[in-house]
């Protein structure tokens, strides 16, 4: 196990109480656009963070390798890189490897080395597993077993860029205005109960699922134990990690639709369930009985993205903010309406959704599901 004190925390403080910033934007026509506007939007909420974490996820940015798994890996030592690259060459067909381009800026101090690898899963090595299941197992194996190496992005034609710093600093460091994608999510972090370190910044990712989160998951212990039963060891020392793995389990492996996934993670109170129609009562009771250990307790707002879809919802009594904005084919999700209007002053519509009710934007659909 690595020493968490090795990673960069210039403030030496992970217990300040504030509120993180979230922002997501998606063009439902699939048109790709640069990161310029989302960087401006998340920077407008600068005071919601404290510089201990910022990050972005981008979808559609690697069209030349659109059918390969793109691993982004952080290294705290040369030994970690050597061991990880040997592992990847043994377990995958390696198409291309390179260090992720960065530019030095004063605000980013003592960063880890970050590399990206474009990989194909060999059907013979999968040994009967689906390629996605094989990739998940290999990501977990690296993160749990190889010292000083952390896979923090593993989807196809998408990637996460994150670290210790304000999000606008992370964007400058990784040159994100030079990338284009049709869906972007961003996060500015203010850690409360978990360390501020490079691997613990948001977004959290597994395959093409990414999660950003504002709040606190007080059910982390039981969520973690349940997910580890399904092969998801939690190694990133941040409560948000369980959301990404829970979404992958519920939607990819158990094939639950978005609406049901939201009812598992943010279910109605029992008193509210009793007032629903009988068929709905039966469904909600069944979900609580089967998936009760995946329910998220505590105040939270989360934005979840994967290819073709962006989803946002809050805890069931909306203890953390979420604002929705729509302009033509563009969907915006934000902690603050001001950040949306900074980059799109003439919205067609803006509103605050009900607690626990998902907002869903999908490629090829002009209407927003809510």
Protein backbone atom coordinates (compact mmCIF):
# COMPACT_ATOMS: atom_id res chain seq x y z
CA UNK A 1 0.00 0.00 0.00
CA UNK A 2 1.34 3.42 -0.95
CA UNK A 3 1.80 6.28 1.49
CA UNK A 4 -0.96 8.86 0.96
CA UNK A 5 1.37 11.53 2.33
CA UNK A 6 3.53 11.18 -0.77
CA UNK A 7 0.99 12.95 -2.94
CA UNK A 8 0.62 16.67 -3.28
CA UNK A 9 -1.55 18.56 -0.77
CA UNK A 10 -0.04 22.06 -0.51
CA UNK A 11 -2.74 23.23 1.91
CA UNK A 12 -2.15 20.36 4.40
CA UNK A 13 -5.89 20.45 5.07
CA UNK A 14 -8.60 17.98 4.11
CA UNK A 15 -11.30 18.83 6.67
CA UNK A 16 -12.54 22.24 5.55
CA UNK A 17 -16.31 22.37 5.06
CA UNK A 18 -17.67 23.89 1.86
CA UNK A 19 -19.30 22.67 -1.32
CA UNK A 20 -17.82 21.26 -4.49
CA UNK A 21 -18.71 22.59 -7.94
CA UNK A 22 -20.16 20.45 -10.74
CA UNK A 23 -20.74 21.23 -14.37
CA UNK A 24 -21.78 19.12 -17.35
CA UNK A 25 -22.60 20.08 -20.92
CA UNK A 26 -23.67 17.91 -23.82
CA UNK A 27 -24.66 18.51 -27.42
CA UNK A 28 -27.35 15.92 -28.07
CA UNK A 29 -26.66 16.08 -31.83
CA UNK A 30 -23.16 14.71 -31.22
CA UNK A 31 -21.40 17.87 -32.40
CA UNK A 32 -17.94 18.11 -30.87
CA UNK A 33 -16.78 21.35 -29.25
CA UNK A 34 -13.70 22.52 -27.37
CA UNK A 35 -13.23 22.69 -23.63
CA UNK A 36 -13.12 26.49 -23.60
CA UNK A 37 -16.67 27.07 -22.33
CA UNK A 38 -16.70 24.38 -19.66
CA UNK A 39 -13.43 25.71 -18.27
CA UNK A 40 -14.97 29.19 -18.07
CA UNK A 41 -18.11 27.78 -16.41
CA UNK A 42 -16.34 25.74 -13.72
CA UNK A 43 -13.89 28.60 -13.05
CA UNK A 44 -16.90 30.83 -12.36
CA UNK A 45 -17.54 28.63 -9.29
CA UNK A 46 -13.95 28.94 -8.05
CA UNK A 47 -15.00 29.78 -4.47
CA UNK A 48 -16.78 26.43 -4.11
CA UNK A 49 -13.41 24.64 -4.11
CA UNK A 50 -10.15 24.99 -2.21
CA UNK A 51 -7.59 23.86 -4.77
CA UNK A 52 -7.36 20.25 -3.56
CA UNK A 53 -8.90 18.74 -6.67
CA UNK A 54 -10.14 19.53 -10.14
CA UNK A 55 -10.92 17.45 -13.16
CA UNK A 56 -12.71 16.89 -16.45
CA UNK A 57 -14.09 14.02 -18.51
CA UNK A 58 -14.39 14.32 -22.28
CA UNK A 59 -16.31 12.06 -24.67
CA UNK A 60 -15.49 11.74 -28.36
CA UNK A 61 -11.91 13.04 -28.14
CA UNK A 62 -10.03 9.99 -29.52
CA UNK A 63 -11.78 9.21 -32.84
CA UNK A 64 -8.57 7.73 -34.30
CA UNK A 65 -8.72 5.02 -31.60
CA UNK A 66 -12.48 4.95 -31.11
CA UNK A 67 -12.67 1.16 -30.62
CA UNK A 68 -9.70 0.85 -28.26
CA UNK A 69 -9.72 1.12 -24.48
CA UNK A 70 -7.92 4.33 -23.54
CA UNK A 71 -6.15 3.92 -20.21
CA UNK A 72 -4.93 7.05 -18.43
CA UNK A 73 -2.50 6.05 -15.69
CA UNK A 74 -0.83 8.09 -12.93
CA UNK A 75 2.63 7.07 -11.77
CA UNK A 76 4.26 8.09 -8.51
CA UNK A 77 7.55 6.37 -9.42
CA UNK A 78 9.47 5.02 -12.41
CA UNK A 79 9.12 1.55 -10.89
CA UNK A 80 5.33 1.88 -11.02
CA UNK A 81 5.47 2.70 -14.72
CA UNK A 82 7.84 -0.14 -15.59
CA UNK A 83 5.71 -2.70 -13.76
CA UNK A 84 2.44 -1.40 -15.18
CA UNK A 85 3.68 -1.34 -18.77
CA UNK A 86 4.94 -4.90 -18.44
CA UNK A 87 1.51 -5.89 -17.10
CA UNK A 88 -0.35 -4.13 -19.94
CA UNK A 89 1.82 -5.76 -22.62
CA UNK A 90 1.15 -9.16 -21.05
CA UNK A 91 -2.62 -8.72 -20.70
CA UNK A 92 -3.54 -6.61 -23.77
CA UNK A 93 -2.60 -5.85 -27.33
CA UNK A 94 -0.94 -2.42 -27.07
CA UNK A 95 -1.74 -0.15 -30.03
CA UNK A 96 -0.03 3.01 -28.84
CA UNK A 97 1.48 4.58 -25.70
CA UNK A 98 2.54 8.14 -24.92
CA UNK A 99 2.82 10.55 -22.05
CA UNK A 100 -0.18 12.87 -21.79
CA UNK A 101 0.83 16.35 -23.02
CA UNK A 102 1.11 18.94 -20.26
CA UNK A 103 2.48 22.42 -19.82
CA UNK A 104 4.17 23.64 -16.63
CA UNK A 105 2.18 26.18 -14.63
CA UNK A 106 3.05 27.60 -11.18
CA UNK A 107 -0.19 26.39 -9.57
CA UNK A 108 0.52 22.70 -10.24
CA UNK A 109 3.25 21.48 -7.89
CA UNK A 110 4.95 18.06 -7.86
CA UNK A 111 2.56 16.34 -10.30
CA UNK A 112 2.77 12.60 -10.97
CA UNK A 113 3.70 11.28 -14.39
CA UNK A 114 0.57 10.65 -16.49
CA UNK A 115 0.58 8.31 -19.50
CA UNK A 116 -2.11 7.07 -21.85
CA UNK A 117 -2.34 3.67 -23.54
CA UNK A 118 -4.65 2.51 -26.31
CA UNK A 119 -5.40 -1.16 -25.78
CA UNK A 120 -7.34 -4.02 -27.32
CA UNK A 121 -8.61 -6.92 -25.22
CA UNK A 122 -7.47 -10.24 -26.72
CA UNK A 123 -10.41 -12.67 -26.81
CA UNK A 124 -8.11 -15.59 -25.94
CA UNK A 125 -6.85 -13.82 -22.82
CA UNK A 126 -10.41 -12.86 -21.82
CA UNK A 127 -11.03 -16.60 -21.27
CA UNK A 128 -14.80 -16.41 -21.67
CA UNK A 129 -15.25 -13.00 -20.05
CA UNK A 130 -16.69 -10.10 -21.97
CA UNK A 131 -14.03 -7.54 -22.95
CA UNK A 132 -15.59 -4.99 -20.57
CA UNK A 133 -15.50 -7.39 -17.61
CA UNK A 134 -11.93 -8.31 -18.46
CA UNK A 135 -10.92 -4.63 -18.52
CA UNK A 136 -12.63 -3.93 -15.18
CA UNK A 137 -10.77 -6.81 -13.56
CA UNK A 138 -7.42 -5.65 -14.95
CA UNK A 139 -8.02 -2.06 -13.78
CA UNK A 140 -8.82 -3.31 -10.29
CA UNK A 141 -5.75 -5.55 -10.35
CA UNK A 142 -3.43 -2.65 -11.22
CA UNK A 143 -4.94 -0.27 -8.67
CA UNK A 144 -4.88 -2.82 -5.86
CA UNK A 145 -1.61 -4.63 -6.59
CA UNK A 146 0.92 -2.50 -8.48
CA UNK A 147 2.68 0.01 -6.28
CA UNK A 148 2.65 3.69 -7.32
CA UNK A 149 0.31 3.19 -10.30
CA UNK A 150 -3.35 4.18 -10.61
CA UNK A 151 -5.59 3.70 -13.64
CA UNK A 152 -8.05 6.58 -13.46
CA UNK A 153 -9.61 6.36 -16.93
CA UNK A 154 -10.37 3.23 -18.94
CA UNK A 155 -13.15 3.86 -21.47
CA UNK A 156 -13.28 3.96 -25.26
CA UNK A 157 -13.01 7.29 -27.12
CA UNK A 158 -13.17 9.21 -23.83
CA UNK A 159 -10.81 10.22 -21.08
CA UNK A 160 -10.49 11.77 -17.64
CA UNK A 161 -7.96 14.50 -16.81
CA UNK A 162 -7.66 15.37 -13.13
CA UNK A 163 -5.35 16.27 -10.28
CA UNK A 164 -4.66 18.48 -7.27
CA UNK A 165 -5.44 22.08 -8.15
CA UNK A 166 -8.35 24.29 -9.08
CA UNK A 167 -10.15 22.97 -12.18
CA UNK A 168 -9.05 25.89 -14.35
CA UNK A 169 -5.44 25.11 -13.38
CA UNK A 170 -5.89 21.44 -14.24
CA UNK A 171 -7.36 22.49 -17.60
CA UNK A 172 -4.33 24.66 -18.32
CA UNK A 173 -1.90 21.98 -17.18
CA UNK A 174 -3.45 19.34 -19.48
CA UNK A 175 -4.06 21.81 -22.37
CA UNK A 176 -7.76 20.88 -22.41
CA UNK A 177 -8.89 23.73 -24.66
CA UNK A 178 -7.05 21.89 -27.45
CA UNK A 179 -9.37 18.87 -27.15
CA UNK A 180 -12.88 18.47 -28.55
CA UNK A 181 -15.77 16.28 -27.44
CA UNK A 182 -19.57 16.21 -27.59
CA UNK A 183 -19.96 15.74 -23.82
CA UNK A 184 -17.89 17.31 -21.03
CA UNK A 185 -18.20 17.11 -17.26
CA UNK A 186 -16.11 19.07 -14.76
CA UNK A 187 -15.53 19.17 -11.01
CA UNK A 188 -13.99 21.57 -8.51
CA UNK A 189 -13.24 19.81 -5.23
CA UNK A 190 -13.50 20.81 -1.58
CA UNK A 191 -12.58 17.63 0.35
CA UNK A 192 -14.33 17.13 3.67
CA UNK A 193 -13.73 13.60 4.98
CA UNK A 194 -11.21 12.24 2.46
CA UNK A 195 -7.71 13.29 1.39
CA UNK A 196 -6.95 15.78 -1.35
CA UNK A 197 -4.65 13.83 -3.69
CA UNK A 198 -4.27 13.26 -7.43
CA UNK A 199 -6.06 9.93 -7.62
CA UNK A 200 -8.86 11.15 -5.36
CA UNK A 201 -9.83 14.08 -7.56
CA UNK A 202 -13.04 13.82 -9.59
CA UNK A 203 -14.24 12.55 -12.05
CA UNK A 204 -14.16 8.91 -11.05
CA UNK A 205 -14.24 6.46 -13.90
CA UNK A 206 -14.61 2.81 -14.83
CA UNK A 207 -14.91 1.87 -18.51
CA UNK A 208 -16.84 4.76 -20.09
CA UNK A 209 -18.77 5.65 -16.89
CA UNK A 210 -17.67 8.85 -15.17
CA UNK A 211 -19.04 10.42 -12.00
CA UNK A 212 -18.64 13.83 -10.39
CA UNK A 213 -20.18 14.43 -6.99
CA UNK A 214 -20.87 17.22 -4.51
CA UNK A 215 -21.65 16.13 -0.97
CA UNK A 216 -20.81 13.30 1.36
CA UNK A 217 -21.59 9.59 1.09
CA UNK A 218 -22.09 8.61 4.74
CA UNK A 219 -23.04 5.08 3.65
CA UNK A 220 -19.59 4.55 2.09
CA UNK A 221 -18.72 1.63 4.38
CA UNK A 222 -21.68 -0.58 3.51
CA UNK A 223 -21.59 0.54 -0.16
CA UNK A 224 -17.91 -0.41 -0.33
CA UNK A 225 -18.42 -3.84 1.24
CA UNK A 226 -21.28 -4.66 -1.12
CA UNK A 227 -19.37 -3.58 -4.22
CA UNK A 228 -16.30 -5.55 -3.21
CA UNK A 229 -18.50 -8.67 -3.23
CA UNK A 230 -18.99 -8.01 -6.96
CA UNK A 231 -15.28 -7.50 -7.66
CA UNK A 232 -14.92 -3.74 -7.22
CA UNK A 233 -12.21 -3.07 -4.59
CA UNK A 234 -12.23 0.59 -3.56
CA UNK A 235 -8.67 1.93 -3.53
CA UNK A 236 -8.92 5.68 -4.18
CA UNK A 237 -9.62 6.87 -0.60
CA UNK A 238 -12.63 8.94 -1.67
CA UNK A 239 -16.31 8.20 -1.05
CA UNK A 240 -17.33 9.11 -4.62
CA UNK A 241 -15.59 6.03 -5.99
CA UNK A 242 -18.52 3.85 -4.91
CA UNK A 243 -20.95 5.76 -7.15
CA UNK A 244 -18.99 4.96 -10.32
CA UNK A 245 -18.78 1.26 -9.47
CA UNK A 246 -22.43 1.08 -8.40
CA UNK A 247 -23.55 2.61 -11.69
CA UNK A 248 -21.42 0.15 -13.68
CA UNK A 249 -22.86 -2.76 -11.69
CA UNK A 250 -26.48 -1.64 -11.94
CA UNK A 251 -26.62 -0.39 -15.52
CA UNK A 252 -24.00 -2.38 -17.42
CA UNK A 253 -23.99 -5.69 -15.56
CA UNK A 254 -27.57 -5.82 -14.24
CA UNK A 255 -29.07 -3.96 -17.22
CA UNK A 256 -31.21 -1.61 -15.15
CA UNK A 257 -32.51 1.55 -16.86
CA UNK A 258 -31.52 5.02 -15.66
CA UNK A 259 -34.78 5.58 -13.80
CA UNK A 260 -34.41 2.37 -11.78
CA UNK A 261 -30.73 3.03 -11.08
CA UNK A 262 -31.71 6.41 -9.59
CA UNK A 263 -34.36 4.73 -7.44
CA UNK A 264 -31.69 2.37 -6.07
CA UNK A 265 -29.16 5.09 -5.24
CA UNK A 266 -31.68 7.73 -4.10
CA UNK A 267 -34.91 5.87 -3.20
CA UNK A 268 -38.03 7.55 -1.82
CA UNK A 269 -38.62 7.42 1.91
CA UNK A 270 -40.70 4.47 3.15
CA UNK A 271 -43.49 6.88 4.05
CA UNK A 272 -43.57 8.11 0.46
CA UNK A 273 -43.49 4.59 -0.94
CA UNK A 274 -46.64 3.75 1.02
CA UNK A 275 -48.52 6.50 -0.81
CA UNK A 276 -47.61 5.22 -4.30
CA UNK A 277 -49.89 3.00 -6.46
CA UNK A 278 -49.67 -0.72 -5.56
CA UNK A 279 -47.52 -1.76 -8.54
CA UNK A 280 -45.05 1.04 -7.88
CA UNK A 281 -44.98 0.18 -4.18
CA UNK A 282 -44.05 -3.41 -5.02
CA UNK A 283 -41.25 -2.28 -7.33
CA UNK A 284 -39.78 0.20 -4.85
CA UNK A 285 -39.94 -2.28 -1.97
CA UNK A 286 -38.23 -4.92 -4.09
CA UNK A 287 -35.44 -2.52 -5.02
CA UNK A 288 -34.88 -1.61 -1.38
CA UNK A 289 -34.75 -5.29 -0.41
CA UNK A 290 -32.40 -6.36 -3.22
CA UNK A 291 -30.17 -3.29 -3.45
CA UNK A 292 -30.53 -1.68 -0.02
CA UNK A 293 -26.79 -1.83 0.61
CA UNK A 294 -26.17 0.35 -2.46
CA UNK A 295 -28.45 3.18 -1.32
CA UNK A 296 -26.47 6.41 -0.92
CA UNK A 297 -26.99 8.12 2.43
CA UNK A 298 -26.01 11.70 2.99
CA UNK A 299 -26.35 14.94 1.03
CA UNK A 300 -25.28 14.70 -2.60
CA UNK A 301 -25.62 15.84 -6.16
CA UNK A 302 -24.08 13.69 -8.87
CA UNK A 303 -23.59 13.99 -12.61
CA UNK A 304 -23.00 10.68 -14.40
CA UNK A 305 -21.85 10.40 -18.00
CA UNK A 306 -21.20 7.65 -20.47
CA UNK A 307 -21.26 7.45 -24.25
CA UNK A 308 -24.46 8.95 -25.58
CA UNK A 309 -25.94 9.99 -22.24
CA UNK A 310 -25.56 12.50 -19.40
CA UNK A 311 -27.52 12.04 -16.15
CA UNK A 312 -27.90 14.30 -13.14
CA UNK A 313 -29.79 13.86 -9.86
CA UNK A 314 -29.63 14.80 -6.20
CA UNK A 315 -30.36 13.04 -2.94
CA UNK A 316 -34.04 12.53 -2.24
CA UNK A 317 -34.46 15.75 -0.24
CA UNK A 318 -32.09 17.83 -2.41
CA UNK A 319 -29.53 18.83 0.21
CA UNK A 320 -27.04 19.76 -2.52
CA UNK A 321 -27.90 22.02 -5.48
CA UNK A 322 -28.49 21.11 -9.11
CA UNK A 323 -29.69 23.45 -11.86
CA UNK A 324 -30.65 22.34 -15.37
CA UNK A 325 -30.42 24.52 -18.46
CA UNK A 326 -31.45 23.81 -22.06
CA UNK A 327 -30.64 25.75 -25.21
CA UNK A 328 -31.55 24.04 -28.47
CA UNK A 329 -29.64 20.75 -28.57
CA UNK A 330 -27.44 21.70 -25.59
CA UNK A 331 -28.06 20.36 -22.08
CA UNK A 332 -26.32 21.95 -19.10
CA UNK A 333 -26.13 20.63 -15.52
CA UNK A 334 -24.55 22.84 -12.88
CA UNK A 335 -24.21 23.59 -9.19
CA UNK A 336 -25.15 27.19 -9.99
CA UNK A 337 -27.33 28.75 -12.69
CA UNK A 338 -24.89 31.66 -12.97
CA UNK A 339 -22.23 29.33 -14.41
CA UNK A 340 -24.62 28.18 -17.14
CA UNK A 341 -25.69 31.71 -18.04
CA UNK A 342 -22.08 32.84 -18.22
CA UNK A 343 -21.58 30.69 -21.33
CA UNK A 344 -25.21 30.64 -22.54
CA UNK A 345 -27.07 33.80 -21.44
CA UNK A 346 -30.23 33.14 -23.49
CA UNK A 347 -31.35 29.71 -22.28
CA UNK A 348 -34.61 28.29 -23.59
CA UNK A 349 -35.37 26.97 -20.13
CA UNK A 350 -33.76 26.64 -16.69
CA UNK A 351 -35.12 24.83 -13.64
CA UNK A 352 -34.28 22.97 -10.42
CA UNK A 353 -35.28 19.28 -10.54
CA UNK A 354 -37.06 17.41 -7.77
CA UNK A 355 -34.91 15.49 -5.28
CA UNK A 356 -33.95 12.02 -6.48
CA UNK A 357 -35.48 12.52 -9.95
CA UNK A 358 -32.95 12.01 -12.78
CA UNK A 359 -32.42 14.47 -15.61
CA UNK A 360 -31.29 12.58 -18.72
CA UNK A 361 -29.88 13.90 -21.98
CA UNK A 362 -29.31 11.44 -24.83
CA UNK A 363 -27.68 11.61 -28.22
CA UNK A 364 -30.19 11.93 -31.04
CA UNK A 365 -33.00 13.19 -28.80
CA UNK A 366 -33.85 16.86 -28.65
CA UNK A 367 -36.11 16.42 -25.61
CA UNK A 368 -34.64 16.15 -22.13
CA UNK A 369 -36.09 13.40 -19.91
CA UNK A 370 -37.02 14.47 -16.40
